[in-house]
Amino acid sequence: MTTIKIDEKTKTGKAFMAMFETFFKGVEGIEIVEPDYGQVNEEPSIYSSEFVEKVKKAEENIKNGETTTLNPDDIWGSLGLK
């Protein structure tokens, strides 16, 4: 089996799909298989899993309003450590 990735958002991708469907629709042995966008990207991440978890936790904290605003002129005071 051969896989061809086609970006259907591009002009070339749209033209290829139109041509493919015109010439090969219903031909035995050739099938268009739509990607499952619900799956996680199969490419390995360049980020460690610990870092990803920290970012996700920070995003959740921001959504819940659990953040600390730092004053760049008085960082220690902003943290209550002065």
PDB file of N, CA and C in Angstrom:
ATOM      1  N   MET A   1       0.841  -1.166   0.000  1.00  0.00           N
ATOM      2  CA  MET A   1       0.000   0.000   0.000  1.00  0.00           C
ATOM      3  C   MET A   1       0.892   1.237   0.000  1.00  0.00           C
ATOM      4  N   THR A   2       0.502   2.232  -0.754  1.00  0.00           N
ATOM      5  CA  THR A   2       1.221   3.502  -0.841  1.00  0.00           C
ATOM      6  C   THR A   2       0.345   4.598  -0.281  1.00  0.00           C
ATOM      7  N   THR A   3       0.944   5.516   0.461  1.00  0.00           N
ATOM      8  CA  THR A   3       0.209   6.642   1.027  1.00  0.00           C
ATOM      9  C   THR A   3       0.707   7.922   0.380  1.00  0.00           C
ATOM     10  N   ILE A   4      -0.219   8.760  -0.023  1.00  0.00           N
ATOM     11  CA  ILE A   4       0.117  10.067  -0.585  1.00  0.00           C
ATOM     12  C   ILE A   4      -0.575  11.111   0.278  1.00  0.00           C
ATOM     13  N   LYS A   5       0.181  12.060   0.802  1.00  0.00           N
ATOM     14  CA  LYS A   5      -0.409  13.144   1.589  1.00  0.00           C
ATOM     15  C   LYS A   5      -0.687  14.308   0.652  1.00  0.00           C
ATOM     16  N   ILE A   6      -1.914  14.785   0.668  1.00  0.00           N
ATOM     17  CA  ILE A   6      -2.332  15.884  -0.199  1.00  0.00           C
ATOM     18  C   ILE A   6      -2.965  16.962   0.664  1.00  0.00           C
ATOM     19  N   ASP A   7      -2.461  18.166   0.550  1.00  0.00           N
ATOM     20  CA  ASP A   7      -3.045  19.295   1.270  1.00  0.00           C
ATOM     21  C   ASP A   7      -4.180  19.847   0.414  1.00  0.00           C
ATOM     22  N   GLU A   8      -5.394  19.473   0.761  1.00  0.00           N
ATOM     23  CA  GLU A   8      -6.553  19.863  -0.034  1.00  0.00           C
ATOM     24  C   GLU A   8      -6.914  21.334   0.114  1.00  0.00           C
ATOM     25  N   LYS A   9      -6.176  22.071   0.946  1.00  0.00           N
ATOM     26  CA  LYS A   9      -6.418  23.506   1.088  1.00  0.00           C
ATOM     27  C   LYS A   9      -5.700  24.289  -0.002  1.00  0.00           C
ATOM     28  N   THR A  10      -4.706  23.658  -0.637  1.00  0.00           N
ATOM     29  CA  THR A  10      -3.935  24.363  -1.660  1.00  0.00           C
ATOM     30  C   THR A  10      -4.584  24.203  -3.034  1.00  0.00           C
ATOM     31  N   LYS A  11      -4.247  25.088  -3.921  1.00  0.00           N
ATOM     32  CA  LYS A  11      -4.781  25.043  -5.282  1.00  0.00           C
ATOM     33  C   LYS A  11      -4.367  23.737  -5.973  1.00  0.00           C
ATOM     34  N   THR A  12      -3.102  23.354  -5.797  1.00  0.00           N
ATOM     35  CA  THR A  12      -2.599  22.130  -6.413  1.00  0.00           C
ATOM     36  C   THR A  12      -3.283  20.901  -5.817  1.00  0.00           C
ATOM     37  N   GLY A  13      -3.464  20.895  -4.503  1.00  0.00           N
ATOM     38  CA  GLY A  13      -4.135  19.778  -3.853  1.00  0.00           C
ATOM     39  C   GLY A  13      -5.574  19.618  -4.317  1.00  0.00           C
ATOM     40  N   LYS A  14      -6.278  20.727  -4.438  1.00  0.00           N
ATOM     41  CA  LYS A  14      -7.665  20.687  -4.926  1.00  0.00           C
ATOM     42  C   LYS A  14      -7.721  20.156  -6.352  1.00  0.00           C
ATOM     43  N   ALA A  15      -6.804  20.621  -7.196  1.00  0.00           N
ATOM     44  CA  ALA A  15      -6.775  20.181  -8.593  1.00  0.00           C
ATOM     45  C   ALA A  15      -6.461  18.689  -8.675  1.00  0.00           C
ATOM     46  N   PHE A  16      -5.507  18.228  -7.865  1.00  0.00           N
ATOM     47  CA  PHE A  16      -5.158  16.808  -7.880  1.00  0.00           C
ATOM     48  C   PHE A  16      -6.347  15.958  -7.469  1.00  0.00           C
ATOM     49  N   MET A  17      -7.033  16.341  -6.396  1.00  0.00           N
ATOM     50  CA  MET A  17      -8.181  15.564  -5.928  1.00  0.00           C
ATOM     51  C   MET A  17      -9.300  15.537  -6.960  1.00  0.00           C
ATOM     52  N   ALA A  18      -9.538  16.661  -7.615  1.00  0.00           N
ATOM     53  CA  ALA A  18     -10.573  16.702  -8.656  1.00  0.00           C
ATOM     54  C   ALA A  18     -10.212  15.763  -9.806  1.00  0.00           C
ATOM     55  N   MET A  19      -8.939  15.798 -10.230  1.00  0.00           N
ATOM     56  CA  MET A  19      -8.489  14.928 -11.308  1.00  0.00           C
ATOM     57  C   MET A  19      -8.569  13.460 -10.881  1.00  0.00           C
ATOM     58  N   PHE A  20      -8.129  13.165  -9.686  1.00  0.00           N
ATOM     59  CA  PHE A  20      -8.136  11.801  -9.180  1.00  0.00           C
ATOM     60  C   PHE A  20      -9.551  11.241  -9.139  1.00  0.00           C
ATOM     61  N   GLU A  21     -10.472  12.020  -8.586  1.00  0.00           N
ATOM     62  CA  GLU A  21     -11.851  11.552  -8.468  1.00  0.00           C
ATOM     63  C   GLU A  21     -12.493  11.370  -9.840  1.00  0.00           C
ATOM     64  N   THR A  22     -12.126  12.207 -10.789  1.00  0.00           N
ATOM     65  CA  THR A  22     -12.678  12.100 -12.136  1.00  0.00           C
ATOM     66  C   THR A  22     -12.215  10.817 -12.819  1.00  0.00           C
ATOM     67  N   PHE A  23     -10.942  10.514 -12.738  1.00  0.00           N
ATOM     68  CA  PHE A  23     -10.382   9.387 -13.470  1.00  0.00           C
ATOM     69  C   PHE A  23     -10.462   8.047 -12.738  1.00  0.00           C
ATOM     70  N   PHE A  24     -10.441   8.058 -11.412  1.00  0.00           N
ATOM     71  CA  PHE A  24     -10.314   6.800 -10.692  1.00  0.00           C
ATOM     72  C   PHE A  24     -11.481   6.454  -9.774  1.00  0.00           C
ATOM     73  N   LYS A  25     -12.538   7.241  -9.755  1.00  0.00           N
ATOM     74  CA  LYS A  25     -13.677   6.942  -8.883  1.00  0.00           C
ATOM     75  C   LYS A  25     -14.331   5.636  -9.334  1.00  0.00           C
ATOM     76  N   GLY A  26     -14.467   4.703  -8.412  1.00  0.00           N
ATOM     77  CA  GLY A  26     -15.110   3.426  -8.710  1.00  0.00           C
ATOM     78  C   GLY A  26     -14.189   2.390  -9.313  1.00  0.00           C
ATOM     79  N   VAL A  27     -12.911   2.699  -9.490  1.00  0.00           N
ATOM     80  CA  VAL A  27     -11.972   1.736 -10.043  1.00  0.00           C
ATOM     81  C   VAL A  27     -11.560   0.775  -8.933  1.00  0.00           C
ATOM     82  N   GLU A  28     -11.607  -0.515  -9.232  1.00  0.00           N
ATOM     83  CA  GLU A  28     -11.263  -1.514  -8.233  1.00  0.00           C
ATOM     84  C   GLU A  28      -9.777  -1.449  -7.892  1.00  0.00           C
ATOM     85  N   GLY A  29      -9.466  -1.527  -6.604  1.00  0.00           N
ATOM     86  CA  GLY A  29      -8.080  -1.513  -6.160  1.00  0.00           C
ATOM     87  C   GLY A  29      -7.573  -0.138  -5.786  1.00  0.00           C
ATOM     88  N   ILE A  30      -8.361   0.908  -6.005  1.00  0.00           N
ATOM     89  CA  ILE A  30      -7.962   2.266  -5.640  1.00  0.00           C
ATOM     90  C   ILE A  30      -9.054   2.845  -4.748  1.00  0.00           C
ATOM     91  N   GLU A  31      -8.661   3.363  -3.606  1.00  0.00           N
ATOM     92  CA  GLU A  31      -9.631   3.879  -2.643  1.00  0.00           C
ATOM     93  C   GLU A  31      -9.077   5.142  -1.989  1.00  0.00           C
ATOM     94  N   ILE A  32      -9.941   6.121  -1.807  1.00  0.00           N
ATOM     95  CA  ILE A  32      -9.570   7.328  -1.077  1.00  0.00           C
ATOM     96  C   ILE A  32      -9.922   7.089   0.382  1.00  0.00           C
ATOM     97  N   VAL A  33      -8.926   7.200   1.248  1.00  0.00           N
ATOM     98  CA  VAL A  33      -9.136   7.010   2.681  1.00  0.00           C
ATOM     99  C   VAL A  33      -8.928   8.359   3.348  1.00  0.00           C
ATOM    100  N   GLU A  34      -9.960   8.862   4.011  1.00  0.00           N
ATOM    101  CA  GLU A  34      -9.876  10.149   4.688  1.00  0.00           C
ATOM    102  C   GLU A  34      -9.081   9.991   5.980  1.00  0.00           C
ATOM    103  N   PRO A  35      -8.258  10.977   6.315  1.00  0.00           N
ATOM    104  CA  PRO A  35      -7.490  10.883   7.570  1.00  0.00           C
ATOM    105  C   PRO A  35      -8.401  11.007   8.777  1.00  0.00           C
ATOM    106  N   ASP A  36      -7.989  10.403   9.878  1.00  0.00           N
ATOM    107  CA  ASP A  36      -8.720  10.498  11.135  1.00  0.00           C
ATOM    108  C   ASP A  36      -8.107  11.631  11.938  1.00  0.00           C
ATOM    109  N   TYR A  37      -8.748  12.800  11.891  1.00  0.00           N
ATOM    110  CA  TYR A  37      -8.193  13.969  12.561  1.00  0.00           C
ATOM    111  C   TYR A  37      -8.345  13.913  14.069  1.00  0.00           C
ATOM    112  N   GLY A  38      -9.050  12.907  14.584  1.00  0.00           N
ATOM    113  CA  GLY A  38      -9.209  12.767  16.012  1.00  0.00           C
ATOM    114  C   GLY A  38      -7.974  12.174  16.677  1.00  0.00           C
ATOM    115  N   GLN A  39      -7.099  11.592  15.892  1.00  0.00           N
ATOM    116  CA  GLN A  39      -5.903  10.978  16.454  1.00  0.00           C
ATOM    117  C   GLN A  39      -4.868  12.044  16.776  1.00  0.00           C
ATOM    118  N   VAL A  40      -4.011  11.703  17.702  1.00  0.00           N
ATOM    119  CA  VAL A  40      -2.911  12.585  18.062  1.00  0.00           C
ATOM    120  C   VAL A  40      -1.883  12.539  16.949  1.00  0.00           C
ATOM    121  N   ASN A  41      -1.226  13.662  16.709  1.00  0.00           N
ATOM    122  CA  ASN A  41      -0.186  13.732  15.701  1.00  0.00           C
ATOM    123  C   ASN A  41       0.829  12.620  15.939  1.00  0.00           C
ATOM    124  N   GLU A  42       1.152  11.846  14.911  1.00  0.00           N
ATOM    125  CA  GLU A  42       2.046  10.713  15.060  1.00  0.00           C
ATOM    126  C   GLU A  42       3.517  11.123  15.106  1.00  0.00           C
ATOM    127  N   GLU A  43       3.833  12.340  14.728  1.00  0.00           N
ATOM    128  CA  GLU A  43       5.213  12.778  14.748  1.00  0.00           C
ATOM    129  C   GLU A  43       5.666  12.954  16.197  1.00  0.00           C
ATOM    130  N   PRO A  44       6.876  12.537  16.503  1.00  0.00           N
ATOM    131  CA  PRO A  44       7.352  12.690  17.886  1.00  0.00           C
ATOM    132  C   PRO A  44       7.513  14.167  18.236  1.00  0.00           C
ATOM    133  N   SER A  45       7.173  14.495  19.463  1.00  0.00           N
ATOM    134  CA  SER A  45       7.269  15.872  19.924  1.00  0.00           C
ATOM    135  C   SER A  45       8.715  16.217  20.243  1.00  0.00           C
ATOM    136  N   ILE A  46       9.080  17.453  19.996  1.00  0.00           N
ATOM    137  CA  ILE A  46      10.425  17.906  20.353  1.00  0.00           C
ATOM    138  C   ILE A  46      10.477  18.303  21.826  1.00  0.00           C
ATOM    139  N   TYR A  47       9.316  18.315  22.487  1.00  0.00           N
ATOM    140  CA  TYR A  47       9.237  18.717  23.888  1.00  0.00           C
ATOM    141  C   TYR A  47       9.139  17.494  24.785  1.00  0.00           C
ATOM    142  N   SER A  48       9.740  17.570  25.965  1.00  0.00           N
ATOM    143  CA  SER A  48       9.655  16.460  26.911  1.00  0.00           C
ATOM    144  C   SER A  48       8.230  16.395  27.465  1.00  0.00           C
ATOM    145  N   SER A  49       7.848  15.203  27.894  1.00  0.00           N
ATOM    146  CA  SER A  49       6.489  15.028  28.421  1.00  0.00           C
ATOM    147  C   SER A  49       6.282  15.849  29.698  1.00  0.00           C
ATOM    148  N   GLU A  50       7.350  16.033  30.492  1.00  0.00           N
ATOM    149  CA  GLU A  50       7.231  16.837  31.707  1.00  0.00           C
ATOM    150  C   GLU A  50       6.917  18.294  31.369  1.00  0.00           C
ATOM    151  N   PHE A  51       7.583  18.815  30.347  1.00  0.00           N
ATOM    152  CA  PHE A  51       7.347  20.197  29.934  1.00  0.00           C
ATOM    153  C   PHE A  51       5.922  20.365  29.418  1.00  0.00           C
ATOM    154  N   VAL A  52       5.458  19.413  28.622  1.00  0.00           N
ATOM    155  CA  VAL A  52       4.100  19.479  28.079  1.00  0.00           C
ATOM    156  C   VAL A  52       3.083  19.480  29.213  1.00  0.00           C
ATOM    157  N   GLU A  53       3.302  18.641  30.226  1.00  0.00           N
ATOM    158  CA  GLU A  53       2.394  18.598  31.370  1.00  0.00           C
ATOM    159  C   GLU A  53       2.379  19.928  32.123  1.00  0.00           C
ATOM    160  N   LYS A  54       3.560  20.559  32.280  1.00  0.00           N
ATOM    161  CA  LYS A  54       3.629  21.858  32.960  1.00  0.00           C
ATOM    162  C   LYS A  54       2.856  22.922  32.185  1.00  0.00           C
ATOM    163  N   VAL A  55       2.977  22.910  30.869  1.00  0.00           N
ATOM    164  CA  VAL A  55       2.263  23.885  30.039  1.00  0.00           C
ATOM    165  C   VAL A  55       0.754  23.658  30.146  1.00  0.00           C
ATOM    166  N   LYS A  56       0.329  22.403  30.089  1.00  0.00           N
ATOM    167  CA  LYS A  56      -1.104  22.094  30.209  1.00  0.00           C
ATOM    168  C   LYS A  56      -1.639  22.532  31.580  1.00  0.00           C
ATOM    169  N   LYS A  57      -0.860  22.291  32.633  1.00  0.00           N
ATOM    170  CA  LYS A  57      -1.266  22.701  33.981  1.00  0.00           C
ATOM    171  C   LYS A  57      -1.381  24.220  34.055  1.00  0.00           C
ATOM    172  N   ALA A  58      -0.417  24.932  33.458  1.00  0.00           N
ATOM    173  CA  ALA A  58      -0.455  26.397  33.454  1.00  0.00           C
ATOM    174  C   ALA A  58      -1.681  26.904  32.706  1.00  0.00           C
ATOM    175  N   GLU A  59      -2.006  26.276  31.568  1.00  0.00           N
ATOM    176  CA  GLU A  59      -3.199  26.675  30.814  1.00  0.00           C
ATOM    177  C   GLU A  59      -4.455  26.478  31.651  1.00  0.00           C
ATOM    178  N   GLU A  60      -4.519  25.359  32.352  1.00  0.00           N
ATOM    179  CA  GLU A  60      -5.669  25.082  33.212  1.00  0.00           C
ATOM    180  C   GLU A  60      -5.767  26.110  34.337  1.00  0.00           C
ATOM    181  N   ASN A  61      -4.632  26.451  34.935  1.00  0.00           N
ATOM    182  CA  ASN A  61      -4.623  27.460  36.000  1.00  0.00           C
ATOM    183  C   ASN A  61      -5.102  28.808  35.481  1.00  0.00           C
ATOM    184  N   ILE A  62      -4.687  29.175  34.284  1.00  0.00           N
ATOM    185  CA  ILE A  62      -5.115  30.451  33.694  1.00  0.00           C
ATOM    186  C   ILE A  62      -6.623  30.438  33.481  1.00  0.00           C
ATOM    187  N   LYS A  63      -7.162  29.326  32.963  1.00  0.00           N
ATOM    188  CA  LYS A  63      -8.613  29.212  32.755  1.00  0.00           C
ATOM    189  C   LYS A  63      -9.379  29.361  34.062  1.00  0.00           C
ATOM    190  N   ASN A  64      -8.799  28.826  35.138  1.00  0.00           N
ATOM    191  CA  ASN A  64      -9.455  28.863  36.451  1.00  0.00           C
ATOM    192  C   ASN A  64      -9.169  30.149  37.220  1.00  0.00           C
ATOM    193  N   GLY A  65      -8.410  31.057  36.635  1.00  0.00           N
ATOM    194  CA  GLY A  65      -8.088  32.320  37.285  1.00  0.00           C
ATOM    195  C   GLY A  65      -7.049  32.182  38.385  1.00  0.00           C
ATOM    196  N   GLU A  66      -6.313  31.112  38.371  1.00  0.00           N
ATOM    197  CA  GLU A  66      -5.300  30.858  39.398  1.00  0.00           C
ATOM    198  C   GLU A  66      -3.930  31.302  38.877  1.00  0.00           C
ATOM    199  N   THR A  67      -3.742  32.589  38.774  1.00  0.00           N
ATOM    200  CA  THR A  67      -2.480  33.111  38.245  1.00  0.00           C
ATOM    201  C   THR A  67      -1.917  34.165  39.184  1.00  0.00           C
ATOM    202  N   THR A  68      -0.649  34.432  39.028  1.00  0.00           N
ATOM    203  CA  THR A  68       0.018  35.475  39.790  1.00  0.00           C
ATOM    204  C   THR A  68       0.545  36.498  38.804  1.00  0.00           C
ATOM    205  N   THR A  69       0.202  37.756  39.022  1.00  0.00           N
ATOM    206  CA  THR A  69       0.697  38.814  38.151  1.00  0.00           C
ATOM    207  C   THR A  69       1.951  39.400  38.777  1.00  0.00           C
ATOM    208  N   LEU A  70       3.011  39.443  38.006  1.00  0.00           N
ATOM    209  CA  LEU A  70       4.277  39.967  38.499  1.00  0.00           C
ATOM    210  C   LEU A  70       4.490  41.392  38.033  1.00  0.00           C
ATOM    211  N   ASN A  71       4.953  42.220  38.945  1.00  0.00           N
ATOM    212  CA  ASN A  71       5.346  43.576  38.609  1.00  0.00           C
ATOM    213  C   ASN A  71       6.837  43.519  38.273  1.00  0.00           C
ATOM    214  N   PRO A  72       7.231  43.800  37.042  1.00  0.00           N
ATOM    215  CA  PRO A  72       8.646  43.682  36.677  1.00  0.00           C
ATOM    216  C   PRO A  72       9.557  44.623  37.463  1.00  0.00           C
ATOM    217  N   ASP A  73       8.996  45.682  38.038  1.00  0.00           N
ATOM    218  CA  ASP A  73       9.800  46.607  38.833  1.00  0.00           C
ATOM    219  C   ASP A  73       9.972  46.127  40.276  1.00  0.00           C
ATOM    220  N   ASP A  74       9.123  45.161  40.712  1.00  0.00           N
ATOM    221  CA  ASP A  74       9.188  44.649  42.076  1.00  0.00           C
ATOM    222  C   ASP A  74       8.748  43.186  42.099  1.00  0.00           C
ATOM    223  N   ILE A  75       9.562  42.312  41.519  1.00  0.00           N
ATOM    224  CA  ILE A  75       9.187  40.911  41.408  1.00  0.00           C
ATOM    225  C   ILE A  75       9.022  40.272  42.777  1.00  0.00           C
ATOM    226  N   TRP A  76       9.971  40.486  43.700  1.00  0.00           N
ATOM    227  CA  TRP A  76       9.880  39.877  45.022  1.00  0.00           C
ATOM    228  C   TRP A  76       8.654  40.379  45.768  1.00  0.00           C
ATOM    229  N   GLY A  77       8.338  41.638  45.631  1.00  0.00           N
ATOM    230  CA  GLY A  77       7.142  42.179  46.269  1.00  0.00           C
ATOM    231  C   GLY A  77       5.880  41.586  45.683  1.00  0.00           C
ATOM    232  N   SER A  78       5.866  41.352  44.363  1.00  0.00           N
ATOM    233  CA  SER A  78       4.715  40.738  43.703  1.00  0.00           C
ATOM    234  C   SER A  78       4.456  39.328  44.222  1.00  0.00           C
ATOM    235  N   LEU A  79       5.538  38.640  44.601  1.00  0.00           N
ATOM    236  CA  LEU A  79       5.406  37.279  45.115  1.00  0.00           C
ATOM    237  C   LEU A  79       5.148  37.249  46.619  1.00  0.00           C
ATOM    238  N   GLY A  80       5.172  38.417  47.273  1.00  0.00           N
ATOM    239  CA  GLY A  80       4.959  38.481  48.708  1.00  0.00           C
ATOM    240  C   GLY A  80       6.173  38.024  49.485  1.00  0.00           C
ATOM    241  N   LEU A  81       7.349  38.143  48.905  1.00  0.00           N
ATOM    242  CA  LEU A  81       8.567  37.675  49.546  1.00  0.00           C
ATOM    243  C   LEU A  81       9.489  38.817  49.963  1.00  0.00           C
ATOM    244  N   LYS A  82       8.967  39.986  50.071  1.00  0.00           N
ATOM    245  CA  LYS A  82       9.803  41.133  50.403  1.00  0.00           C
ATOM    246  C   LYS A  82       9.859  41.371  51.879  1.00  0.00           C
TER     247      LYS A  82
END
